[in-house]
Amino acid sequence: MTNKKIRVSHLIDEIILGIENVKGEDIHQLDLRELDNTPCDFFIVCSGNSNTQVTAIVNSIQKTVSKKLSEKPFHTEGLDNAEWVLIDYVNVVVHVFQNSIREYYNIEELWGDAKSTQIVSNY
């Protein structure tokens, strides 16, 4: 569970760095704080091109966050088939999709009332 002392902005920065380290694509931050009945404050959504890359992205996120912030996710699911993996850091939930699965579920449209920010990658 995310320690209250750790600012959510630091957690988001480390998650994004973990995604970028293995060239995750199309990174979006959805700010859910102004919406009613949301499961968390932020979604971070990104894509990978294969099961292997999705798994690499998830591992990179967890390693980066653990190393920099000493935090582990509250829950992770979807690694068995690595088409859509959810990493739950309580206040921030990360969705790592394969491209076709992301298009099908269109989570950004589903949460269309949230403030969405596309993250420009540094690589």
Protein backbone atom coordinates (compact mmCIF):
# COMPACT_ATOMS: atom_id res chain seq x y z
CA MET A 1 0.00 0.00 0.00
CA THR A 2 1.29 3.44 -0.83
CA ASN A 3 2.79 5.19 2.18
CA LYS A 4 1.09 8.51 2.94
CA LYS A 5 4.51 10.15 3.14
CA ILE A 6 5.15 9.44 -0.52
CA ARG A 7 3.58 12.05 -2.72
CA VAL A 8 1.41 10.72 -5.50
CA SER A 9 3.31 12.92 -7.97
CA HIS A 10 6.57 11.10 -7.09
CA LEU A 11 4.87 7.75 -7.56
CA ILE A 12 3.51 8.80 -10.96
CA ASP A 13 6.96 10.07 -12.03
CA GLU A 14 8.57 6.74 -11.14
CA ILE A 15 5.81 4.75 -12.87
CA ILE A 16 6.30 6.76 -16.05
CA LEU A 17 10.07 6.32 -15.82
CA GLY A 18 9.56 2.56 -15.48
CA ILE A 19 7.38 2.57 -18.62
CA GLU A 20 9.86 4.65 -20.59
CA ASN A 21 12.81 2.45 -19.55
CA VAL A 22 11.44 -0.37 -21.71
CA LYS A 23 9.90 1.84 -24.40
CA GLY A 24 6.25 1.54 -23.40
CA GLU A 25 4.07 3.51 -25.81
CA ASP A 26 1.18 5.98 -25.82
CA ILE A 27 1.36 6.90 -22.13
CA HIS A 28 -1.65 8.74 -20.72
CA GLN A 29 -2.41 10.02 -17.25
CA LEU A 30 -6.09 10.21 -16.33
CA ASP A 31 -6.89 12.44 -13.36
CA LEU A 32 -10.01 11.01 -11.69
CA ARG A 33 -10.03 13.26 -8.61
CA GLU A 34 -12.86 15.49 -9.82
CA LEU A 35 -15.16 12.55 -10.64
CA ASP A 36 -17.56 10.80 -8.28
CA ASN A 37 -17.20 7.16 -7.24
CA THR A 38 -13.77 6.47 -8.69
CA PRO A 39 -11.54 3.58 -7.61
CA CYS A 40 -8.44 5.80 -7.23
CA ASP A 41 -7.08 9.28 -7.93
CA PHE A 42 -5.14 8.52 -11.13
CA PHE A 43 -4.93 5.97 -13.91
CA ILE A 44 -1.72 5.63 -15.88
CA VAL A 45 -2.38 3.86 -19.19
CA CYS A 46 0.22 2.62 -21.66
CA SER A 47 0.75 0.05 -24.40
CA GLY A 48 3.23 -2.63 -25.36
CA ASN A 49 3.51 -4.52 -28.64
CA SER A 50 3.62 -8.08 -27.29
CA ASN A 51 3.16 -10.24 -24.19
CA THR A 52 6.91 -10.00 -23.68
CA GLN A 53 6.96 -6.20 -23.78
CA VAL A 54 3.89 -5.89 -21.53
CA THR A 55 5.60 -8.14 -18.99
CA ALA A 56 8.82 -6.12 -19.30
CA ILE A 57 6.90 -2.87 -18.73
CA VAL A 58 5.22 -4.26 -15.61
CA ASN A 59 8.53 -5.57 -14.23
CA SER A 60 10.25 -2.25 -14.98
CA ILE A 61 7.53 -0.24 -13.23
CA GLN A 62 7.65 -2.44 -10.14
CA LYS A 63 11.46 -2.44 -10.01
CA THR A 64 11.71 1.35 -10.49
CA VAL A 65 9.05 2.18 -7.89
CA SER A 66 10.47 -0.32 -5.41
CA LYS A 67 14.04 0.93 -5.83
CA LYS A 68 13.27 4.67 -5.67
CA LEU A 69 10.32 4.74 -3.27
CA SER A 70 10.50 1.38 -1.47
CA GLU A 71 6.90 0.71 -2.46
CA LYS A 72 5.28 -2.47 -3.71
CA PRO A 73 1.88 -2.64 -5.41
CA PHE A 74 -1.14 -3.50 -3.31
CA HIS A 75 -2.29 -5.86 -6.06
CA THR A 76 -1.28 -6.93 -9.57
CA GLU A 77 -3.38 -8.95 -11.98
CA GLY A 78 -3.28 -10.08 -15.60
CA LEU A 79 0.34 -11.25 -15.82
CA ASP A 80 -0.71 -14.79 -16.81
CA ASN A 81 -1.61 -13.77 -20.37
CA ALA A 82 -0.01 -10.29 -20.34
CA GLU A 83 -2.64 -8.73 -22.59
CA TRP A 84 -3.91 -6.29 -19.95
CA VAL A 85 -2.05 -6.02 -16.68
CA LEU A 86 -3.33 -3.89 -13.82
CA ILE A 87 -0.93 -2.68 -11.13
CA ASP A 88 -2.71 -1.21 -8.10
CA TYR A 89 -0.75 1.28 -6.01
CA VAL A 90 -4.01 2.31 -4.24
CA ASN A 91 -4.07 6.01 -5.22
CA VAL A 92 -2.62 5.25 -8.66
CA VAL A 93 -3.67 2.32 -10.84
CA VAL A 94 -1.55 1.43 -13.86
CA HIS A 95 -3.04 -0.28 -16.92
CA VAL A 96 -0.52 -1.89 -19.29
CA PHE A 97 -2.20 -3.09 -22.48
CA GLN A 98 -1.27 -4.81 -25.68
CA ASN A 99 -2.35 -2.44 -28.48
CA SER A 100 -5.33 -4.45 -29.76
CA ILE A 101 -6.71 -5.01 -26.25
CA ARG A 102 -6.35 -1.31 -25.44
CA GLU A 103 -8.27 -0.38 -28.58
CA TYR A 104 -11.02 -2.87 -27.74
CA TYR A 105 -11.58 -1.70 -24.15
CA ASN A 106 -10.87 1.99 -24.91
CA ILE A 107 -10.41 2.87 -21.25
CA GLU A 108 -9.72 6.53 -22.07
CA GLU A 109 -13.18 6.80 -23.65
CA LEU A 110 -14.79 4.90 -20.78
CA TRP A 111 -13.34 7.47 -18.36
CA GLY A 112 -13.85 10.32 -20.86
CA ASP A 113 -14.85 12.82 -18.17
CA ALA A 114 -11.44 12.54 -16.53
CA LYS A 115 -8.72 15.05 -17.32
CA SER A 116 -6.39 13.23 -19.70
CA THR A 117 -2.74 14.15 -20.25
CA GLN A 118 -0.59 12.46 -22.85
CA ILE A 119 2.95 11.93 -21.60
CA VAL A 120 5.64 12.78 -24.12
CA SER A 121 8.34 10.14 -23.78
CA ASN A 122 11.96 11.10 -23.35
CA TYR A 123 13.30 8.35 -25.60
